[in-house]
N, C-alpha and C. Protein backbone atom coordinates (compact mmCIF):
# COMPACT_ATOMS: atom_id res chain seq x y z
N MET A 1 0.82 -1.19 0.00
CA MET A 1 0.00 0.00 0.00
C MET A 1 0.87 1.26 0.00
N LEU A 2 1.96 1.24 0.81
CA LEU A 2 2.85 2.39 0.88
C LEU A 2 3.54 2.61 -0.46
N ARG A 3 3.90 1.52 -1.14
CA ARG A 3 4.55 1.64 -2.45
C ARG A 3 3.59 2.26 -3.47
N LEU A 4 2.34 1.91 -3.39
CA LEU A 4 1.36 2.45 -4.32
C LEU A 4 1.18 3.94 -4.12
N ARG A 5 1.13 4.39 -2.89
CA ARG A 5 1.02 5.83 -2.60
C ARG A 5 2.25 6.58 -3.09
N PHE A 6 3.43 6.00 -2.90
CA PHE A 6 4.68 6.62 -3.33
C PHE A 6 4.69 6.78 -4.86
N ALA A 7 4.28 5.72 -5.57
CA ALA A 7 4.24 5.76 -7.04
C ALA A 7 3.25 6.81 -7.51
N ALA A 8 2.11 6.92 -6.85
CA ALA A 8 1.09 7.90 -7.23
C ALA A 8 1.62 9.32 -7.01
N ALA A 9 2.35 9.51 -5.92
CA ALA A 9 2.91 10.83 -5.64
C ALA A 9 3.93 11.22 -6.70
N LEU A 10 4.73 10.27 -7.13
CA LEU A 10 5.71 10.55 -8.18
C LEU A 10 5.03 10.92 -9.48
N LEU A 11 3.97 10.21 -9.83
CA LEU A 11 3.23 10.51 -11.06
C LEU A 11 2.64 11.91 -11.03
N LEU A 12 2.22 12.37 -9.86
CA LEU A 12 1.67 13.72 -9.74
C LEU A 12 2.76 14.79 -9.79
N LEU A 13 3.96 14.46 -9.30
CA LEU A 13 5.04 15.45 -9.26
C LEU A 13 5.70 15.67 -10.62
N VAL A 14 5.75 14.66 -11.45
CA VAL A 14 6.43 14.78 -12.74
C VAL A 14 5.80 15.87 -13.60
N PRO A 15 4.47 15.88 -13.81
CA PRO A 15 3.90 16.97 -14.63
C PRO A 15 4.09 18.34 -13.97
N ALA A 16 4.03 18.42 -12.65
CA ALA A 16 4.21 19.71 -11.96
C ALA A 16 5.62 20.21 -12.15
N ALA A 17 6.60 19.33 -12.09
CA ALA A 17 7.99 19.72 -12.27
C ALA A 17 8.22 20.17 -13.70
N ALA A 18 7.65 19.50 -14.66
CA ALA A 18 7.82 19.89 -16.07
C ALA A 18 7.20 21.25 -16.33
N ALA A 19 6.07 21.53 -15.74
CA ALA A 19 5.42 22.82 -15.92
C ALA A 19 6.24 23.93 -15.27
N ALA A 20 6.83 23.64 -14.13
CA ALA A 20 7.63 24.65 -13.43
C ALA A 20 8.89 24.98 -14.20
N CYS A 21 9.49 24.00 -14.86
CA CYS A 21 10.72 24.23 -15.62
C CYS A 21 10.44 25.04 -16.86
N GLY A 22 9.27 24.88 -17.42
CA GLY A 22 8.90 25.64 -18.60
C GLY A 22 9.66 25.19 -19.82
N GLY A 23 9.44 25.83 -20.89
CA GLY A 23 10.12 25.50 -22.12
C GLY A 23 10.27 26.75 -22.95
N ASP A 24 10.89 26.60 -24.10
CA ASP A 24 11.10 27.74 -24.97
C ASP A 24 9.81 28.22 -25.61
N ASP A 25 8.80 27.36 -25.64
CA ASP A 25 7.55 27.74 -26.27
C ASP A 25 6.77 28.76 -25.45
N ASP A 26 7.17 29.02 -24.19
CA ASP A 26 6.51 30.03 -23.36
C ASP A 26 6.99 31.42 -23.69
N ALA A 27 8.18 31.56 -24.30
CA ALA A 27 8.77 32.88 -24.57
C ALA A 27 8.06 33.52 -25.73
N PRO A 28 7.83 34.84 -25.66
CA PRO A 28 7.23 35.55 -26.79
C PRO A 28 8.14 35.44 -28.00
N ALA A 29 7.56 35.52 -29.20
CA ALA A 29 8.31 35.33 -30.43
C ALA A 29 9.40 36.39 -30.59
N GLY A 30 9.21 37.60 -30.11
CA GLY A 30 10.18 38.68 -30.28
C GLY A 30 11.40 38.54 -29.38
N ASP A 31 11.38 37.68 -28.36
CA ASP A 31 12.48 37.55 -27.41
C ASP A 31 13.36 36.34 -27.68
N ALA A 32 13.44 35.89 -28.89
CA ALA A 32 14.16 34.66 -29.19
C ALA A 32 15.63 34.75 -28.78
N GLY A 33 16.28 35.89 -28.91
CA GLY A 33 17.70 36.00 -28.57
C GLY A 33 17.94 36.69 -27.24
N ALA A 34 16.91 36.99 -26.48
CA ALA A 34 17.07 37.73 -25.23
C ALA A 34 17.64 36.83 -24.15
N SER A 35 18.42 37.44 -23.25
CA SER A 35 18.95 36.70 -22.11
C SER A 35 18.56 37.42 -20.83
N ALA A 36 18.71 36.75 -19.72
CA ALA A 36 18.32 37.34 -18.44
C ALA A 36 19.19 38.54 -18.13
N THR A 37 18.59 39.57 -17.54
CA THR A 37 19.33 40.75 -17.14
C THR A 37 19.90 40.52 -15.74
N VAL A 38 21.20 40.76 -15.59
CA VAL A 38 21.88 40.56 -14.31
C VAL A 38 22.38 41.90 -13.83
N SER A 39 22.14 42.20 -12.57
CA SER A 39 22.62 43.46 -12.03
C SER A 39 24.14 43.46 -11.96
N GLU A 40 24.72 44.64 -11.90
CA GLU A 40 26.18 44.76 -11.82
C GLU A 40 26.73 44.08 -10.57
N ALA A 41 26.01 44.21 -9.45
CA ALA A 41 26.45 43.58 -8.20
C ALA A 41 26.42 42.06 -8.32
N ASP A 42 25.33 41.51 -8.93
CA ASP A 42 25.26 40.06 -9.11
C ASP A 42 26.34 39.56 -10.05
N ALA A 43 26.62 40.33 -11.09
CA ALA A 43 27.68 39.94 -12.03
C ALA A 43 29.02 39.92 -11.31
N ARG A 44 29.28 40.88 -10.44
CA ARG A 44 30.55 40.92 -9.70
C ARG A 44 30.63 39.74 -8.72
N ARG A 45 29.52 39.42 -8.04
CA ARG A 45 29.52 38.28 -7.13
C ARG A 45 29.82 36.99 -7.88
N THR A 46 29.23 36.84 -9.07
CA THR A 46 29.48 35.65 -9.88
C THR A 46 30.93 35.59 -10.32
N GLU A 47 31.47 36.73 -10.74
CA GLU A 47 32.88 36.79 -11.15
C GLU A 47 33.79 36.41 -10.00
N VAL A 48 33.51 36.91 -8.81
CA VAL A 48 34.31 36.59 -7.64
C VAL A 48 34.21 35.11 -7.32
N ALA A 49 32.99 34.56 -7.37
CA ALA A 49 32.81 33.15 -7.04
C ALA A 49 33.50 32.25 -8.06
N GLN A 50 33.44 32.60 -9.33
CA GLN A 50 34.05 31.77 -10.36
C GLN A 50 35.57 31.88 -10.33
N GLY A 51 36.10 33.06 -10.05
CA GLY A 51 37.54 33.25 -10.04
C GLY A 51 38.18 32.95 -8.70
N LEU A 52 37.35 32.71 -7.70
CA LEU A 52 37.81 32.42 -6.34
C LEU A 52 38.73 33.51 -5.80
N GLU A 53 38.57 34.72 -6.27
CA GLU A 53 39.34 35.83 -5.73
C GLU A 53 38.58 36.46 -4.57
N GLN A 54 39.28 37.20 -3.76
CA GLN A 54 38.63 37.86 -2.63
C GLN A 54 37.98 39.16 -3.11
N PRO A 55 36.79 39.46 -2.62
CA PRO A 55 36.18 40.73 -2.99
C PRO A 55 37.01 41.88 -2.43
N VAL A 56 37.03 42.97 -3.15
CA VAL A 56 37.82 44.12 -2.75
C VAL A 56 36.87 45.23 -2.32
N ALA A 57 37.04 45.67 -1.08
CA ALA A 57 36.22 46.77 -0.58
C ALA A 57 36.72 48.07 -1.18
N PRO A 58 35.82 48.98 -1.50
CA PRO A 58 36.27 50.26 -2.04
C PRO A 58 37.05 51.05 -0.97
N ASP A 59 38.12 51.68 -1.40
CA ASP A 59 38.91 52.48 -0.47
C ASP A 59 38.34 53.89 -0.39
N ARG A 60 37.92 54.26 0.80
CA ARG A 60 37.43 55.61 1.06
C ARG A 60 38.16 56.12 2.28
N PRO A 61 38.63 57.36 2.25
CA PRO A 61 39.34 57.89 3.43
C PRO A 61 38.47 57.80 4.68
N MET A 62 39.11 57.40 5.78
CA MET A 62 38.43 57.31 7.07
C MET A 62 38.25 58.73 7.62
N PRO A 63 37.21 58.97 8.37
CA PRO A 63 37.05 60.30 8.96
C PRO A 63 38.13 60.57 10.01
N THR A 64 38.47 61.82 10.14
CA THR A 64 39.46 62.21 11.14
C THR A 64 38.79 62.19 12.51
N PRO A 65 39.40 61.48 13.47
CA PRO A 65 38.77 61.42 14.80
C PRO A 65 38.86 62.77 15.50
N THR A 66 37.89 63.03 16.35
CA THR A 66 37.94 64.25 17.14
C THR A 66 39.05 64.12 18.18
N PRO A 67 39.62 65.25 18.61
CA PRO A 67 40.68 65.14 19.63
C PRO A 67 40.19 64.40 20.86
N LEU A 68 41.08 63.62 21.43
CA LEU A 68 40.76 62.81 22.61
C LEU A 68 40.75 63.69 23.85
N PRO A 69 39.66 63.73 24.60
CA PRO A 69 39.61 64.55 25.82
C PRO A 69 40.57 64.04 26.89
N ASP A 70 41.02 64.95 27.74
CA ASP A 70 41.87 64.56 28.87
C ASP A 70 41.09 63.61 29.78
N GLY A 71 41.83 62.73 30.41
CA GLY A 71 41.22 61.83 31.37
C GLY A 71 40.73 60.52 30.78
N LEU A 72 40.63 60.43 29.46
CA LEU A 72 40.21 59.17 28.84
C LEU A 72 41.45 58.36 28.47
N PRO A 73 41.35 57.04 28.45
CA PRO A 73 42.50 56.22 28.06
C PRO A 73 42.91 56.50 26.61
N VAL A 74 44.22 56.54 26.37
CA VAL A 74 44.71 56.73 25.01
C VAL A 74 44.87 55.40 24.28
N LEU A 75 44.81 54.31 25.04
CA LEU A 75 45.06 53.00 24.47
C LEU A 75 44.57 51.93 25.43
N GLN A 76 44.17 50.80 24.89
CA GLN A 76 43.85 49.64 25.73
C GLN A 76 44.86 48.55 25.41
N VAL A 77 45.57 48.11 26.44
CA VAL A 77 46.59 47.08 26.30
C VAL A 77 46.15 45.88 27.13
N VAL A 78 46.14 44.70 26.52
CA VAL A 78 45.73 43.50 27.22
C VAL A 78 46.89 42.51 27.22
N ALA A 79 47.24 42.05 28.39
CA ALA A 79 48.33 41.08 28.56
C ALA A 79 47.73 39.70 28.80
N PRO A 80 48.54 38.65 28.68
CA PRO A 80 48.03 37.31 28.97
C PRO A 80 47.37 37.24 30.35
N GLY A 81 46.32 36.49 30.44
CA GLY A 81 45.58 36.40 31.70
C GLY A 81 44.48 37.43 31.78
N GLY A 82 44.34 38.28 30.75
CA GLY A 82 43.27 39.26 30.72
C GLY A 82 43.54 40.55 31.46
N THR A 83 44.78 40.75 31.94
CA THR A 83 45.12 41.98 32.63
C THR A 83 45.08 43.14 31.64
N ALA A 84 44.32 44.18 31.94
CA ALA A 84 44.20 45.34 31.04
C ALA A 84 44.96 46.53 31.61
N TYR A 85 45.66 47.22 30.74
CA TYR A 85 46.36 48.45 31.09
C TYR A 85 45.81 49.53 30.16
N THR A 86 45.18 50.56 30.74
CA THR A 86 44.55 51.61 29.94
C THR A 86 45.04 52.98 30.42
N PRO A 87 46.22 53.39 29.97
CA PRO A 87 46.76 54.66 30.45
C PRO A 87 46.04 55.87 29.86
N THR A 88 45.89 56.90 30.67
CA THR A 88 45.40 58.19 30.18
C THR A 88 46.58 58.90 29.51
N ARG A 89 46.34 60.05 28.93
CA ARG A 89 47.42 60.80 28.28
C ARG A 89 48.53 61.14 29.27
N ASP A 90 48.16 61.61 30.46
CA ASP A 90 49.18 61.97 31.45
C ASP A 90 49.96 60.75 31.93
N GLU A 91 49.27 59.63 32.13
CA GLU A 91 49.96 58.40 32.53
C GLU A 91 50.90 57.91 31.44
N PHE A 92 50.48 58.06 30.18
CA PHE A 92 51.34 57.66 29.08
C PHE A 92 52.57 58.57 29.00
N LYS A 93 52.37 59.87 29.17
CA LYS A 93 53.50 60.80 29.13
C LYS A 93 54.49 60.54 30.25
N ALA A 94 54.05 59.94 31.34
CA ALA A 94 54.94 59.66 32.48
C ALA A 94 55.84 58.44 32.23
N LEU A 95 55.54 57.65 31.21
CA LEU A 95 56.39 56.49 30.88
C LEU A 95 57.72 56.99 30.30
N PRO A 96 58.79 56.20 30.42
CA PRO A 96 60.10 56.64 29.92
C PRO A 96 60.08 56.84 28.40
N ALA A 97 60.55 58.01 27.97
CA ALA A 97 60.56 58.35 26.55
C ALA A 97 61.89 57.96 25.91
N THR A 98 61.82 57.60 24.64
CA THR A 98 63.00 57.22 23.86
C THR A 98 62.92 57.95 22.52
N THR A 99 64.07 58.32 21.99
CA THR A 99 64.13 58.96 20.68
C THR A 99 64.84 58.03 19.71
N LEU A 100 64.22 57.81 18.56
CA LEU A 100 64.81 56.99 17.50
C LEU A 100 64.89 57.81 16.23
N LYS A 101 65.96 57.60 15.46
CA LYS A 101 66.10 58.23 14.16
C LYS A 101 65.75 57.17 13.11
N ILE A 102 64.69 57.44 12.36
CA ILE A 102 64.20 56.49 11.37
C ILE A 102 64.05 57.22 10.04
N GLY A 103 64.79 56.78 9.04
CA GLY A 103 64.70 57.40 7.72
C GLY A 103 65.06 58.86 7.72
N GLY A 104 66.02 59.26 8.54
CA GLY A 104 66.46 60.65 8.59
C GLY A 104 65.59 61.56 9.43
N LYS A 105 64.58 61.02 10.06
CA LYS A 105 63.68 61.82 10.90
C LYS A 105 63.71 61.29 12.32
N GLU A 106 63.66 62.18 13.30
CA GLU A 106 63.66 61.77 14.71
C GLU A 106 62.24 61.69 15.25
N TYR A 107 61.99 60.61 15.98
CA TYR A 107 60.70 60.40 16.63
C TYR A 107 60.96 60.17 18.11
N THR A 108 60.11 60.77 18.95
CA THR A 108 60.21 60.57 20.39
C THR A 108 58.89 59.99 20.88
N GLY A 109 59.00 58.89 21.63
CA GLY A 109 57.81 58.24 22.16
C GLY A 109 58.20 57.17 23.15
N VAL A 110 57.28 56.30 23.44
CA VAL A 110 57.47 55.22 24.40
C VAL A 110 57.65 53.93 23.61
N THR A 111 58.66 53.15 23.95
CA THR A 111 58.88 51.89 23.22
C THR A 111 57.76 50.90 23.52
N LEU A 112 57.54 50.04 22.56
CA LEU A 112 56.56 48.97 22.74
C LEU A 112 56.97 48.08 23.90
N ALA A 113 58.28 47.89 24.08
CA ALA A 113 58.79 47.07 25.19
C ALA A 113 58.42 47.69 26.54
N ALA A 114 58.48 49.02 26.65
CA ALA A 114 58.11 49.69 27.91
C ALA A 114 56.62 49.53 28.19
N VAL A 115 55.80 49.63 27.16
CA VAL A 115 54.35 49.45 27.33
C VAL A 115 54.06 48.01 27.74
N ALA A 116 54.76 47.05 27.12
CA ALA A 116 54.57 45.64 27.46
C ALA A 116 54.95 45.38 28.92
N ALA A 117 56.07 45.97 29.35
CA ALA A 117 56.51 45.78 30.74
C ALA A 117 55.49 46.38 31.71
N LYS A 118 54.97 47.55 31.38
CA LYS A 118 53.99 48.21 32.25
C LYS A 118 52.69 47.39 32.32
N ALA A 119 52.34 46.73 31.20
CA ALA A 119 51.12 45.91 31.17
C ALA A 119 51.33 44.53 31.79
N GLY A 120 52.59 44.17 32.05
CA GLY A 120 52.88 42.87 32.65
C GLY A 120 52.97 41.73 31.63
N ALA A 121 53.27 42.07 30.38
CA ALA A 121 53.39 41.04 29.34
C ALA A 121 54.75 40.37 29.41
N PRO A 122 54.82 39.06 29.26
CA PRO A 122 56.11 38.36 29.27
C PRO A 122 56.97 38.74 28.06
N ALA A 123 58.28 38.66 28.22
CA ALA A 123 59.21 39.05 27.16
C ALA A 123 59.02 38.23 25.89
N GLY A 124 58.58 37.01 25.98
CA GLY A 124 58.39 36.15 24.82
C GLY A 124 57.05 36.31 24.13
N SER A 125 56.33 37.35 24.43
CA SER A 125 54.98 37.56 23.88
C SER A 125 55.02 37.95 22.40
N THR A 126 53.88 37.79 21.78
CA THR A 126 53.64 38.32 20.44
C THR A 126 52.67 39.48 20.60
N ALA A 127 53.00 40.60 19.94
CA ALA A 127 52.16 41.80 20.03
C ALA A 127 51.27 41.91 18.80
N THR A 128 49.98 42.08 19.03
CA THR A 128 49.03 42.37 17.96
C THR A 128 48.57 43.80 18.19
N ILE A 129 48.83 44.66 17.21
CA ILE A 129 48.58 46.10 17.36
C ILE A 129 47.51 46.49 16.34
N GLN A 130 46.49 47.22 16.81
CA GLN A 130 45.39 47.64 15.95
C GLN A 130 45.34 49.16 15.87
N GLY A 131 44.99 49.65 14.70
CA GLY A 131 44.85 51.09 14.48
C GLY A 131 44.41 51.34 13.06
N THR A 132 44.61 52.55 12.59
CA THR A 132 44.28 52.92 11.23
C THR A 132 45.54 52.88 10.39
N ARG A 133 45.42 52.33 9.18
CA ARG A 133 46.58 52.30 8.30
C ARG A 133 47.04 53.72 7.97
N MET A 134 48.31 53.87 7.65
CA MET A 134 48.85 55.20 7.37
C MET A 134 48.23 55.84 6.14
N ASP A 135 47.71 55.05 5.19
CA ASP A 135 47.04 55.63 4.02
C ASP A 135 45.64 56.13 4.37
N ASN A 136 45.21 55.89 5.62
CA ASN A 136 43.93 56.37 6.16
C ASN A 136 42.72 55.84 5.39
N LEU A 137 42.85 54.66 4.77
CA LEU A 137 41.75 54.11 4.00
C LEU A 137 40.97 53.03 4.73
N ARG A 138 41.57 52.39 5.73
CA ARG A 138 40.86 51.38 6.50
C ARG A 138 41.66 51.03 7.75
N TYR A 139 41.00 50.27 8.63
CA TYR A 139 41.67 49.81 9.84
C TYR A 139 42.68 48.72 9.49
N GLY A 140 43.67 48.59 10.33
CA GLY A 140 44.67 47.56 10.10
C GLY A 140 45.13 46.96 11.41
N ALA A 141 45.79 45.84 11.30
CA ALA A 141 46.38 45.17 12.46
C ALA A 141 47.68 44.53 12.01
N ILE A 142 48.67 44.60 12.87
CA ILE A 142 49.94 43.95 12.60
C ILE A 142 50.29 43.07 13.78
N ARG A 143 51.09 42.05 13.54
CA ARG A 143 51.45 41.12 14.61
C ARG A 143 52.93 40.77 14.46
N TYR A 144 53.68 40.98 15.53
CA TYR A 144 55.11 40.69 15.55
C TYR A 144 55.51 40.16 16.93
N PRO A 145 56.56 39.35 16.96
CA PRO A 145 57.11 38.94 18.26
C PRO A 145 57.69 40.17 18.97
N LEU A 146 57.37 40.32 20.23
CA LEU A 146 57.84 41.46 21.02
C LEU A 146 59.36 41.54 21.02
N ALA A 147 60.04 40.40 21.09
CA ALA A 147 61.51 40.38 21.13
C ALA A 147 62.12 40.99 19.87
N GLU A 148 61.42 40.92 18.73
CA GLU A 148 61.95 41.44 17.47
C GLU A 148 61.70 42.92 17.27
N VAL A 149 60.61 43.45 17.83
CA VAL A 149 60.23 44.84 17.54
C VAL A 149 60.08 45.72 18.78
N GLY A 150 60.15 45.16 19.96
CA GLY A 150 59.86 45.90 21.19
C GLY A 150 60.70 47.14 21.42
N GLU A 151 62.01 47.03 21.22
CA GLU A 151 62.91 48.16 21.50
C GLU A 151 63.02 49.13 20.33
N THR A 152 62.59 48.72 19.14
CA THR A 152 62.74 49.57 17.94
C THR A 152 61.41 50.11 17.43
N THR A 153 60.37 49.94 18.22
CA THR A 153 59.04 50.43 17.85
C THR A 153 58.58 51.43 18.91
N LEU A 154 58.16 52.60 18.44
CA LEU A 154 57.71 53.66 19.35
C LEU A 154 56.23 53.92 19.18
N LEU A 155 55.59 54.26 20.29
CA LEU A 155 54.23 54.77 20.30
C LEU A 155 54.37 56.27 20.56
N VAL A 156 53.99 57.06 19.58
CA VAL A 156 54.19 58.50 19.63
C VAL A 156 52.83 59.18 19.80
N LEU A 157 52.72 60.05 20.79
CA LEU A 157 51.49 60.79 21.05
C LEU A 157 51.36 61.90 20.01
N ASN A 158 50.26 61.93 19.25
CA ASN A 158 50.09 62.97 18.24
C ASN A 158 49.32 64.16 18.81
N GLU A 159 49.15 65.20 18.00
CA GLU A 159 48.52 66.44 18.48
C GLU A 159 47.06 66.27 18.87
N ALA A 160 46.39 65.25 18.36
CA ALA A 160 44.98 65.01 18.71
C ALA A 160 44.84 64.14 19.96
N GLY A 161 45.97 63.71 20.53
CA GLY A 161 45.93 62.91 21.75
C GLY A 161 45.90 61.41 21.50
N TYR A 162 46.03 60.98 20.25
CA TYR A 162 46.06 59.56 19.91
C TYR A 162 47.50 59.11 19.73
N LEU A 163 47.69 57.80 19.68
CA LEU A 163 49.02 57.26 19.51
C LEU A 163 49.24 56.79 18.08
N ASP A 164 50.45 57.08 17.57
CA ASP A 164 50.88 56.60 16.27
C ASP A 164 52.03 55.62 16.49
N LEU A 165 52.17 54.66 15.59
CA LEU A 165 53.24 53.68 15.69
C LEU A 165 54.28 53.99 14.61
N VAL A 166 55.55 54.08 15.02
CA VAL A 166 56.67 54.20 14.10
C VAL A 166 57.70 53.17 14.52
N SER A 167 58.49 52.69 13.56
CA SER A 167 59.42 51.62 13.89
C SER A 167 60.55 51.54 12.88
N SER A 168 61.72 51.18 13.38
CA SER A 168 62.83 50.92 12.47
C SER A 168 62.88 49.45 12.08
N SER A 169 62.07 48.61 12.69
CA SER A 169 62.08 47.18 12.38
C SER A 169 60.79 46.71 11.70
N ILE A 170 59.78 47.54 11.65
CA ILE A 170 58.54 47.22 10.95
C ILE A 170 58.50 48.07 9.69
N PRO A 171 58.22 47.48 8.52
CA PRO A 171 58.19 48.28 7.29
C PRO A 171 57.22 49.46 7.41
N GLN A 172 57.62 50.59 6.84
CA GLN A 172 56.84 51.82 6.97
C GLN A 172 55.42 51.66 6.43
N GLU A 173 55.21 50.84 5.41
CA GLU A 173 53.86 50.67 4.88
C GLU A 173 52.94 49.93 5.86
N GLN A 174 53.51 49.36 6.94
CA GLN A 174 52.69 48.70 7.96
C GLN A 174 52.50 49.57 9.21
N TRP A 175 53.10 50.73 9.24
CA TRP A 175 52.91 51.61 10.40
C TRP A 175 51.43 51.96 10.52
N LEU A 176 50.99 52.24 11.74
CA LEU A 176 49.60 52.57 12.01
C LEU A 176 49.52 53.91 12.73
N HIS A 177 48.39 54.57 12.58
CA HIS A 177 48.13 55.77 13.39
C HIS A 177 46.79 55.60 14.08
N THR A 178 46.51 56.46 15.03
CA THR A 178 45.29 56.39 15.83
C THR A 178 45.10 54.96 16.35
N LEU A 179 46.10 54.50 17.10
CA LEU A 179 46.06 53.14 17.66
C LEU A 179 44.85 52.99 18.57
N THR A 180 44.27 51.79 18.56
CA THR A 180 43.11 51.53 19.43
C THR A 180 43.42 50.47 20.47
N GLY A 181 44.32 49.56 20.17
CA GLY A 181 44.59 48.51 21.14
C GLY A 181 45.81 47.69 20.81
N ILE A 182 46.35 47.09 21.86
CA ILE A 182 47.48 46.18 21.73
C ILE A 182 47.16 44.97 22.59
N ALA A 183 47.36 43.79 22.03
CA ALA A 183 47.17 42.56 22.80
C ALA A 183 48.49 41.79 22.76
N PHE A 184 48.93 41.37 23.93
CA PHE A 184 50.14 40.55 24.03
C PHE A 184 49.70 39.12 24.30
N GLN A 185 50.22 38.18 23.54
CA GLN A 185 49.85 36.78 23.72
C GLN A 185 51.10 35.96 23.88
């Protein structure tokens, strides 16, 4: 009995499926060479899917942040174990300053190693630093072993009260400005 019902259901589905698929005889005579219209966005999605390339976001300059008020943290630093260090501008200025000459220009700021020590990060940590790329087109993040970049990377306080990253060991195209956070792992 169950087999008979199954066979009957199949017989009913076949004509319905054929009608849903349609045929060329449904098209008006004037549209013989017409093809479906695809939006530009759908065409781009198809191109990306077929080429297996990554979609590219349009580059638009990021807005300039308003100056950071006194008393607010200039940075959030997280060390292993979840310990957070969030210095204000005055607390950051109280850290030992270092001057480095990079590409013929002098920069004065606090080394990444000093910030790591203040946050309680172990010397063997890896630093992940987040901020805005120097081309100001999008956010960026870089990751380096602290032992390789700690003494040669400075966090420099800019005129708006935010921190910029400069380094003699990190390529200049990876430098960041308006830093938002550092995580040591």
